[in-house]
Protein backbone atom coordinates (compact mmCIF):
# COMPACT_ATOMS: atom_id res chain seq x y z
CA MET A 1 9.75 41.59 -3.16
CA SER A 2 7.86 44.83 -1.76
CA GLN A 3 8.31 46.62 -5.11
CA GLU A 4 6.55 43.82 -7.22
CA PRO A 5 3.21 44.05 -5.38
CA THR A 6 3.50 47.83 -5.47
CA ALA A 7 3.96 47.59 -9.34
CA ARG A 8 0.90 45.27 -9.76
CA SER A 9 -1.22 47.52 -7.48
CA ASN A 10 -0.29 50.58 -9.63
CA ARG A 11 -1.20 48.70 -12.80
CA ARG A 12 -4.57 47.75 -11.32
CA ARG A 13 -5.44 51.31 -10.21
CA ARG A 14 -4.32 52.58 -13.76
CA ARG A 15 -6.57 50.01 -15.43
CA ALA A 16 -9.53 51.04 -13.08
CA SER A 17 -8.79 54.82 -13.75
CA GLN A 18 -8.98 53.98 -17.57
CA HIS A 19 -12.15 52.07 -17.22
CA THR A 20 -13.76 54.92 -15.27
CA HIS A 21 -12.61 57.45 -17.71
CA ARG A 22 -14.22 55.46 -20.63
CA LEU A 23 -17.50 55.16 -18.86
CA HIS A 24 -17.52 58.90 -18.03
CA GLN A 25 -16.88 59.53 -21.70
CA GLU A 26 -19.87 57.35 -22.57
CA GLU A 27 -22.14 59.20 -20.10
CA MET A 28 -21.14 62.72 -20.96
CA PRO A 29 -23.80 63.24 -23.80
CA ARG A 30 -26.45 62.48 -21.30
CA LEU A 31 -25.49 65.34 -19.12
CA GLY A 32 -25.83 67.98 -21.95
CA SER A 33 -28.50 70.69 -22.36
CA ASP A 34 -31.64 70.48 -24.72
CA HIS A 35 -29.93 72.71 -27.17
CA ASP A 36 -26.87 70.33 -27.30
CA LEU A 37 -29.25 67.36 -27.90
CA GLU A 38 -31.01 69.22 -30.58
CA LEU A 39 -27.60 69.84 -32.35
CA LYS A 40 -26.64 66.35 -31.91
CA SER A 41 -29.87 65.10 -33.43
CA VAL A 42 -29.04 66.89 -36.77
CA SER A 43 -25.34 65.96 -36.67
CA PHE A 44 -24.09 63.49 -39.40
CA GLU A 45 -23.41 59.81 -38.82
CA PRO A 46 -19.93 58.60 -38.60
CA THR A 47 -18.23 57.60 -41.86
CA THR A 48 -17.16 54.08 -42.52
CA GLU A 49 -13.42 55.04 -41.89
CA GLN A 50 -14.39 56.58 -38.68
CA LYS A 51 -16.12 53.54 -37.62
CA GLN A 52 -13.17 51.36 -38.63
CA ASP A 53 -10.95 53.61 -36.54
CA GLN A 54 -13.25 53.29 -33.54
CA GLU A 55 -13.33 49.55 -33.85
CA GLN A 56 -9.53 49.38 -34.23
CA GLN A 57 -9.05 51.65 -31.09
CA GLN A 58 -11.55 49.44 -29.17
CA GLU A 59 -9.77 46.28 -30.19
CA GLN A 60 -6.31 47.88 -29.31
CA GLN A 61 -7.71 48.82 -25.88
CA GLU A 62 -9.05 45.30 -25.30
CA GLY A 63 -5.60 43.92 -26.30
CA GLU A 64 -3.80 46.19 -23.91
CA ASP A 65 -6.22 45.19 -21.12
CA GLU A 66 -5.54 41.53 -21.89
CA GLU A 67 -1.78 42.05 -22.02
CA GLU A 68 -1.98 43.60 -18.57
CA GLU A 69 -4.09 40.85 -17.16
CA GLU A 70 -1.67 38.28 -18.58
CA GLU A 71 1.50 40.23 -17.20
CA GLU A 72 -0.37 40.05 -13.70
CA GLU A 73 -1.03 36.37 -14.12
CA GLU A 74 2.50 35.67 -15.28
CA GLU A 75 3.99 37.56 -12.20
CA GLU A 76 1.76 35.61 -9.84
CA GLU A 77 2.86 32.33 -11.54
CA GLU A 78 6.49 33.38 -11.32
CA GLU A 79 6.12 33.99 -7.57
CA GLU A 80 4.62 30.59 -7.13
CA GLU A 81 7.48 29.09 -9.12
CA GLU A 82 9.96 30.72 -6.99
CA GLU A 83 8.35 29.42 -3.97
CA GLU A 84 8.31 25.84 -5.49
CA GLU A 85 12.00 26.20 -6.49
CA LYS A 86 12.81 27.10 -2.88
CA ASP A 87 10.90 24.13 -1.59
CA ALA A 88 12.55 21.99 -4.13
CA ASP A 89 15.93 23.20 -3.07
CA GLU A 90 15.27 22.44 0.53
CA ASP A 91 14.12 19.00 -0.44
CA GLU A 92 17.25 18.34 -2.52
CA ASP A 93 19.48 19.45 0.39
CA GLU A 94 17.68 16.97 2.58
CA GLU A 95 18.03 14.31 -0.10
CA ASP A 96 21.77 14.95 -0.37
CA GLU A 97 22.09 14.69 3.27
CA GLY A 98 20.07 11.57 3.44
CA GLU A 99 20.76 8.01 2.68
CA GLU A 100 22.26 6.81 -0.72
CA LEU A 101 19.93 5.62 -3.37
CA ALA A 102 22.19 2.59 -3.99
CA PRO A 103 25.78 1.64 -3.56
CA GLU A 104 28.37 2.90 -6.10
CA SER A 105 29.01 -0.61 -7.00
CA SER A 106 25.43 -0.71 -8.56
CA MET A 107 26.71 1.14 -11.64
CA GLU A 108 29.01 -1.69 -12.55
CA LYS A 109 26.58 -4.36 -11.84
CA GLU A 110 23.90 -2.99 -14.01
CA LYS A 111 26.22 -2.77 -16.92
CA ASP A 112 27.14 -6.41 -16.36
CA ASP A 113 23.38 -7.40 -15.96
CA PHE A 114 22.64 -5.57 -19.40
CA ALA A 115 25.58 -7.30 -21.14
CA LEU A 116 24.02 -10.62 -20.01
CA HIS A 117 20.61 -9.54 -21.30
CA ARG A 118 22.10 -8.67 -24.74
CA LYS A 119 24.05 -12.00 -25.03
CA ALA A 120 20.88 -13.84 -24.18
CA TRP A 121 19.03 -11.97 -26.90
CA GLU A 122 21.68 -12.52 -29.47
CA PHE A 123 21.84 -16.20 -28.75
CA SER A 124 17.98 -16.61 -29.12
CA PHE A 125 17.14 -14.23 -32.01
CA LYS A 126 20.20 -12.95 -33.90
CA ARG A 127 20.25 -14.12 -37.47
CA GLY A 128 21.14 -12.61 -40.80
CA ARG A 129 20.66 -8.75 -40.66
CA LEU A 130 18.70 -8.92 -37.42
CA THR A 131 20.99 -7.49 -34.75
CA PHE A 132 20.36 -6.30 -31.26
CA ASP A 133 20.01 -2.71 -32.47
CA THR A 134 17.60 -3.37 -35.26
CA ILE A 135 14.53 -1.22 -35.04
CA THR A 136 11.02 -2.59 -35.69
CA SER A 137 9.53 -1.68 -39.07
CA LEU A 138 6.06 -3.09 -38.53
CA SER A 139 3.31 -0.55 -39.26
CA PRO A 140 0.80 0.47 -36.63
CA MET A 141 -1.86 0.67 -39.54
CA VAL A 142 -1.78 -2.99 -40.69
CA TYR A 143 -5.45 -3.18 -40.96
CA THR A 144 -6.40 0.51 -41.49
CA HIS A 145 -7.33 -0.10 -45.14
CA CYS A 146 -9.80 -2.80 -44.38
CA THR A 147 -13.59 -2.42 -44.19
CA PRO A 148 -15.37 -3.10 -40.85
CA SER A 149 -17.25 -6.12 -42.41
CA CYS A 150 -14.26 -7.66 -43.97
CA LEU A 151 -11.63 -7.77 -41.32
CA PRO A 152 -9.40 -10.80 -41.44
CA GLY A 153 -9.28 -13.35 -38.71
CA GLU A 154 -5.81 -12.38 -37.81
CA ALA A 155 -6.75 -8.87 -36.75
CA GLN A 156 -7.37 -9.12 -33.06
CA LEU A 157 -8.06 -6.98 -30.09
CA ALA A 158 -4.85 -7.46 -27.84
CA THR A 159 -3.45 -6.73 -24.50
CA SER A 160 -0.97 -3.89 -24.80
CA LEU A 161 1.35 -1.89 -22.74
CA GLN A 162 1.01 1.79 -22.94
CA MET A 163 4.09 3.90 -21.88
CA CYS A 164 2.73 7.28 -20.67
CA SER A 165 5.92 8.99 -19.26
CA ILE A 166 9.52 8.51 -18.01
CA LYS A 167 10.94 11.00 -15.66
CA ILE A 168 14.21 11.47 -13.56
CA ALA A 169 12.42 11.35 -9.99
CA GLN A 170 15.45 11.92 -8.03
CA ILE A 171 19.25 12.57 -8.47
CA LYS A 172 22.15 11.96 -6.20
CA HIS A 173 25.70 13.26 -6.57
CA LEU A 174 24.60 15.25 -9.52
CA GLN A 175 23.24 18.72 -10.02
CA TRP A 176 20.48 20.05 -12.24
CA PRO A 177 20.12 20.73 -15.01
CA LEU A 178 21.13 17.27 -16.66
CA HIS A 179 21.92 17.07 -20.33
CA VAL A 180 20.66 13.55 -21.28
CA TYR A 181 21.08 11.51 -24.46
CA GLY A 182 20.69 7.81 -25.23
CA THR A 183 18.00 5.26 -25.95
CA VAL A 184 14.89 3.76 -24.21
CA ALA A 185 13.40 0.99 -26.21
CA ALA A 186 10.75 -1.74 -25.74
CA ARG A 187 10.72 -5.33 -27.14
CA ASP A 188 7.85 -7.57 -27.29
CA TYR A 189 7.23 -11.09 -28.81
CA VAL A 190 5.91 -9.90 -32.13
CA ASP A 191 9.35 -9.43 -33.86
CA HIS A 192 11.71 -9.13 -30.96
CA LYS A 193 13.12 -5.85 -32.43
CA ARG A 194 13.56 -2.37 -30.70
CA ASN A 195 10.48 -0.33 -30.56
CA ILE A 196 12.03 3.08 -29.77
CA LEU A 197 10.47 5.23 -26.98
CA PHE A 198 13.15 7.75 -26.72
CA PHE A 199 16.26 8.54 -28.64
CA ARG A 200 18.73 11.37 -28.58
CA PRO A 201 22.08 11.48 -30.01
CA LYS A 202 24.94 13.21 -28.15
CA SER A 203 24.87 16.30 -30.42
CA GLN A 204 21.02 16.65 -29.67
CA SER A 205 20.76 15.94 -25.92
CA GLN A 206 17.79 16.89 -23.93
CA THR A 207 18.05 19.27 -21.05
CA LEU A 208 16.21 18.20 -17.93
CA THR A 209 15.39 20.42 -14.89
CA LYS A 210 13.91 20.04 -11.56
CA ASN A 211 10.71 21.68 -12.93
CA ASP A 212 10.66 19.66 -16.06
CA PRO A 213 12.42 16.16 -15.52
CA TYR A 214 10.38 14.36 -18.13
CA LEU A 215 12.04 12.70 -21.15
CA HIS A 216 10.59 13.85 -24.58
CA LEU A 217 9.15 10.48 -25.74
CA THR A 218 9.01 10.03 -29.41
CA GLY A 219 7.50 6.53 -29.55
CA PRO A 220 6.48 3.83 -29.76
CA ARG A 221 6.40 3.25 -33.41
CA ARG A 222 3.69 0.69 -32.97
CA GLY A 223 1.67 -0.70 -30.21
CA ILE A 224 3.50 -2.85 -27.46
CA LEU A 225 1.84 -6.30 -27.01
CA SER A 226 2.11 -7.78 -23.66
CA ALA A 227 -0.38 -10.68 -23.45
CA ASP A 228 1.96 -13.74 -23.93
CA ASP A 229 5.58 -13.21 -23.40
CA PRO A 230 7.31 -10.53 -21.20
CA VAL A 231 8.14 -7.26 -22.53
CA HIS A 232 11.65 -5.81 -21.98
CA ILE A 233 12.21 -2.01 -21.39
CA GLU A 234 15.94 -1.15 -22.24
CA VAL A 235 17.14 2.15 -20.56
CA GLN A 236 20.39 3.42 -21.73
CA LEU A 237 21.08 6.95 -20.78
CA MET A 238 24.14 9.01 -20.70
CA LEU A 239 24.99 12.32 -19.09
CA LYS A 240 26.79 14.91 -21.48
CA GLN A 241 29.77 16.66 -19.81
CA GLN A 242 29.27 20.39 -19.63
CA GLN A 243 32.21 22.70 -19.57
CA GLY A 244 32.60 24.39 -16.26
CA GLN A 245 29.45 22.67 -14.87
CA SER A 246 30.46 19.10 -14.40
CA SER A 247 32.84 17.47 -12.04
CA TRP A 248 33.85 14.63 -14.48
CA ALA A 249 36.08 14.98 -17.47
CA LYS A 250 34.01 13.11 -19.93
CA ASP A 251 30.45 11.84 -20.67
CA ARG A 252 29.26 9.29 -18.11
CA GLU A 253 26.54 6.53 -17.83
CA LEU A 254 23.30 7.74 -15.96
CA VAL A 255 21.68 4.49 -16.19
CA THR A 256 21.88 1.07 -18.09
CA GLN A 257 19.14 -1.26 -17.04
CA VAL A 258 16.55 -3.54 -18.23
CA PHE A 259 12.99 -3.72 -16.83
CA ARG A 260 11.19 -6.94 -17.50
CA TYR A 261 7.41 -6.48 -17.50
CA GLU A 262 5.13 -9.60 -17.26
CA ASN A 263 1.42 -9.50 -17.84
CA ASN A 264 -0.46 -9.49 -14.73
CA SER A 265 -4.27 -9.79 -14.43
CA SER A 266 -4.16 -7.42 -11.38
CA ASN A 267 -2.87 -4.71 -13.46
CA ARG A 268 -5.86 -4.51 -15.95
CA ASP A 269 -6.82 -1.04 -17.06
CA CYS A 270 -4.89 0.78 -14.32
CA PHE A 271 -1.92 3.05 -14.22
CA TYR A 272 1.14 2.20 -12.28
CA SER A 273 4.78 3.06 -12.16
CA HIS A 274 8.08 1.20 -11.82
CA LEU A 275 11.20 2.75 -10.38
CA ILE A 276 14.72 2.08 -11.77
CA THR A 277 17.30 3.11 -9.15
CA ASN A 278 21.05 3.22 -9.10
CA TYR A 279 23.90 5.21 -7.45
CA LEU A 280 23.14 8.44 -9.34
CA CYS A 281 19.47 8.50 -9.90
CA LYS A 282 15.94 7.17 -9.54
CA ILE A 283 13.80 7.01 -12.79
CA GLU A 284 10.17 6.58 -12.76
CA LEU A 285 8.37 4.68 -15.55
CA CYS A 286 4.71 5.25 -15.70
CA PHE A 287 2.53 2.98 -17.94
CA GLN A 288 -0.66 1.38 -18.27
CA GLN A 289 -1.93 -2.19 -19.39
CA LEU A 290 -5.01 -2.14 -21.63
CA GLU A 291 -6.96 -5.08 -22.48
CA ARG A 292 -8.78 -5.76 -25.85
CA SER A 293 -7.08 -2.61 -27.28
CA ARG A 294 -6.51 -1.27 -30.63
CA GLN A 295 -3.95 0.94 -32.21
CA ALA A 296 -4.54 4.69 -32.97
CA THR A 297 -2.23 6.74 -35.22
CA VAL A 298 -2.68 10.33 -34.99
CA LEU A 299 -2.06 11.17 -38.69
CA ALA A 300 -2.55 14.94 -38.66
CA VAL A 301 -3.25 17.96 -36.41
CA ARG A 302 -3.93 20.95 -38.72
CA VAL A 303 -4.93 24.47 -38.00
CA MET A 304 -7.97 25.35 -39.83
CA GLN A 305 -9.02 28.73 -38.39
CA GLY A 306 -7.09 31.47 -36.73
CA ALA A 307 -3.38 31.29 -35.53
CA PRO A 308 -3.74 29.46 -32.18
CA PHE A 309 -0.09 28.48 -32.08
CA LYS A 310 1.35 32.03 -32.46
CA TYR A 311 3.22 31.51 -29.14
CA GLY A 312 3.34 27.81 -29.22
CA GLY A 313 1.31 25.11 -27.64
CA GLN A 314 0.93 21.44 -26.81
CA VAL A 315 -1.12 18.45 -27.78
CA LEU A 316 -1.86 15.83 -25.22
CA CYS A 317 -3.95 12.71 -25.16
CA CYS A 318 -5.28 9.87 -22.86
CA ALA A 319 -6.75 6.59 -23.66
CA SER A 320 -9.37 5.61 -21.19
CA PRO A 321 -11.54 2.46 -20.77
CA PRO A 322 -15.13 2.83 -22.01
CA TYR A 323 -16.51 3.05 -18.39
CA GLU A 324 -14.50 6.07 -17.47
CA ASP A 325 -15.82 9.53 -18.10
CA GLU A 326 -12.75 11.72 -17.58
CA GLU A 327 -13.31 15.17 -18.68
CA GLU A 328 -10.35 16.91 -17.08
CA ASP A 329 -7.06 17.68 -18.95
CA PRO A 330 -4.50 15.36 -17.86
CA GLY A 331 -2.29 18.37 -17.12
CA SER A 332 1.24 17.85 -15.90
CA SER A 333 0.73 14.54 -14.33
CA SER A 334 2.90 11.49 -15.11
CA ARG A 335 -0.11 9.90 -17.00
CA ARG A 336 -0.28 12.31 -19.77
CA ILE A 337 0.98 11.33 -23.22
CA VAL A 338 2.45 14.13 -25.07
CA LEU A 339 2.02 14.07 -28.71
CA PHE A 340 3.43 17.59 -29.37
CA ASP A 341 4.94 20.34 -27.21
CA SER A 342 6.49 23.42 -28.91
CA LYS A 343 8.83 23.80 -25.93
CA TYR A 344 10.73 20.76 -26.95
CA GLY A 345 10.74 21.14 -30.80
CA THR A 346 12.09 18.17 -32.44
CA PRO A 347 15.28 16.31 -32.35
CA ASP A 348 16.17 17.55 -35.72
CA ASP A 349 15.08 21.09 -35.05
CA ASP A 350 16.05 23.30 -32.27
CA GLY A 351 13.36 25.95 -33.01
CA THR A 352 10.41 26.52 -30.72
CA MET A 353 7.70 25.93 -33.29
CA CYS A 354 7.30 22.92 -35.64
CA MET A 355 4.47 23.75 -38.05
CA ASP A 356 4.72 23.68 -41.96
CA PRO A 357 3.18 26.39 -44.16
CA ASP A 358 0.00 24.41 -44.60
CA GLY A 359 -0.70 24.49 -40.89
CA TYR A 360 0.23 20.89 -39.89
CA LEU A 361 2.03 20.30 -36.62
CA ASP A 362 5.05 18.14 -36.71
CA LEU A 363 4.03 15.56 -33.99
CA SER A 364 6.88 14.04 -32.06
CA ARG A 365 4.66 11.06 -30.99
CA ARG A 366 1.72 9.58 -32.92
CA VAL A 367 0.98 6.00 -31.81
CA VAL A 368 -1.22 5.04 -28.80
CA SER A 369 -3.11 2.11 -27.63
CA VAL A 370 -6.85 2.61 -27.04
CA GLN A 371 -9.44 0.47 -25.32
CA GLY A 372 -12.51 2.62 -25.12
CA ARG A 373 -12.00 6.18 -26.16
CA LEU A 374 -9.11 8.46 -27.38
CA LYS A 375 -9.29 12.07 -25.84
CA ILE A 376 -7.02 14.56 -27.30
CA PHE A 377 -6.48 17.96 -25.57
CA VAL A 378 -4.99 21.06 -27.43
CA ASN A 379 -3.51 23.86 -25.43
CA THR A 380 -1.86 27.03 -26.63
CA TYR A 381 0.70 29.13 -24.72
CA SER A 382 0.58 32.80 -23.72
CA ARG A 383 3.07 35.16 -24.87
CA SER A 384 5.49 34.19 -22.01
CA GLY A 385 4.97 30.48 -22.57
CA ARG A 386 4.30 30.17 -18.83
CA SER A 387 0.50 29.87 -18.88
CA ILE A 388 -2.21 28.40 -21.12
CA LEU A 389 -4.07 30.85 -23.14
CA ALA A 390 -6.75 28.73 -25.06
CA THR A 391 -7.87 25.19 -24.66
CA GLY A 392 -9.91 22.68 -26.54
CA ARG A 393 -10.74 18.87 -26.58
CA VAL A 394 -12.10 16.21 -28.76
CA SER A 395 -12.95 12.55 -28.07
CA PHE A 396 -12.92 9.57 -30.50
CA THR A 397 -14.54 6.22 -29.91
CA ALA A 398 -12.12 3.28 -30.71
CA LYS A 399 -12.52 1.67 -34.13
CA ASP A 400 -11.30 -1.43 -35.71
CA CYS A 401 -10.11 0.09 -39.05
CA GLN A 402 -10.31 3.15 -41.35
CA THR A 403 -9.84 6.76 -40.36
CA ARG A 404 -11.78 9.33 -38.57
CA SER A 405 -11.54 13.16 -38.42
CA ALA A 406 -12.83 15.74 -35.83
CA THR A 407 -12.56 19.58 -35.33
CA CYS A 408 -11.37 20.90 -32.08
CA PHE A 409 -12.51 24.52 -31.21
CA LEU A 410 -10.16 26.37 -29.00
CA HIS A 411 -11.68 28.78 -26.43
CA ASN A 412 -9.72 31.38 -24.78
CA ARG A 413 -9.60 30.91 -21.02
CA ARG A 414 -9.75 34.66 -20.28
CA LYS A 415 -13.25 35.62 -19.51
CA ALA A 416 -12.74 39.26 -20.54
CA SER A 417 -11.34 38.20 -23.95
CA LYS A 418 -13.59 38.55 -26.89
CA ALA A 419 -11.24 36.90 -29.36
CA LYS A 420 -12.79 34.51 -32.04
CA ASP A 421 -12.71 30.84 -31.67
CA GLN A 422 -9.84 28.97 -33.32
CA ALA A 423 -10.14 25.47 -34.86
CA VAL A 424 -7.80 22.66 -35.33
CA LYS A 425 -8.64 19.58 -37.36
CA ILE A 426 -7.39 16.23 -36.05
CA THR A 427 -7.22 13.06 -38.18
CA VAL A 428 -6.63 9.39 -36.49
CA ALA A 429 -6.08 6.16 -38.31
CA TRP A 430 -7.28 3.00 -36.52
CA SER A 431 -6.19 -0.59 -36.69
CA ARG A 432 -6.43 -3.94 -34.78
CA PHE A 433 -3.35 -5.76 -33.77
CA ALA A 434 -1.49 -8.56 -35.57
CA ARG A 435 -0.37 -10.81 -32.69
CA GLN A 436 2.32 -12.72 -34.70
CA LEU A 437 4.61 -11.72 -37.48
CA SER A 438 3.43 -14.67 -39.46
CA ASP A 439 -0.11 -13.22 -39.52
CA ILE A 440 1.10 -10.23 -41.19
CA GLU A 441 3.02 -12.23 -43.79
CA ILE A 442 0.07 -14.34 -44.48
CA GLU A 443 -2.07 -11.23 -44.96
CA ARG A 444 0.33 -9.81 -47.47
CA LEU A 445 0.39 -12.86 -49.70
């Protein structure tokens, strides 16, 4: 630990020495004699090539200075992360020694309860090709094509449930990291089909760590309506057996539960969470109920200027009521909605960057419910991926139909940087809700 501060101090002294040397070089002509000044007055101007070489050297020097600053910041962040990991290890040890989250029999009971939930659904809604695993096919852009003055009466502002994040808040009898796969889905009264929030097959499991215990959500496919009947959140997650790292011989259930959410007037326009607990873990669902909301589909996020995602980045959003004036980035809180993060890639691609040759990002999540304004934050990563290099934000006022576009300019967070601004164009489609499946069928006739 004593060598690392010494190395940083040496780098700071070296940078200070280089800066002093450059200043000395600039001031040297002023110290010359009158004869030197006369000779200098008749000297030739630098050629274009010499000017270009000087500019390149200056840019190279600035780039080296930025890299050194970045290395220092990354070292400081690493030290902070090490301290956080130590604290987390201590907390985990205390948790292991503490009380059980739930009795071991809770694992079998939750499986039985889920089986009863499935039987009840099949008794009420199964018919023809409609099965328990059928995924909703309704579009979130039912009324996007309409003009504002000609919206049909069936197009309504509705109460919706916004799922912001799902994380493994605590584990018991397990060790990090966890290799998780399975399904998290929501069902509402519109078509009673699965609206996928998270899905990973066994071959593409997600690795969760203590520092990043959030599931990488890929849905919903359309807004979740919660005005009339309850919404059921079905959580079926499995743990993938890892050779040499697991004490069990095969894959095992992490959680198999159903959370029944009922509309409550006291929950309007506020964030709150629900905990799902069993013998192995505690899972936190963070969501929000929005009154008189619309659906927003982020159609495209395209790089228009520069190369902001050279080292990766993320696109976040939040949907706030009209009376809130939130200017801060949602950051790493449970309330953020992650539309894209290069650290996760996509379920079909293990790469760290998901952008096509035309500059379009491959968003993992696109549909959100909006009551007042939709605020989108774009962050780009540094070389190490540990810190944010540049940021930008745009805000959209909720609309009933049509599409809207806005340009998000990214500004480097380093004060010493003279890098040019980079731009990303964001396009959003708007639509009201169809509260009943029959409303959509009538509209199509």
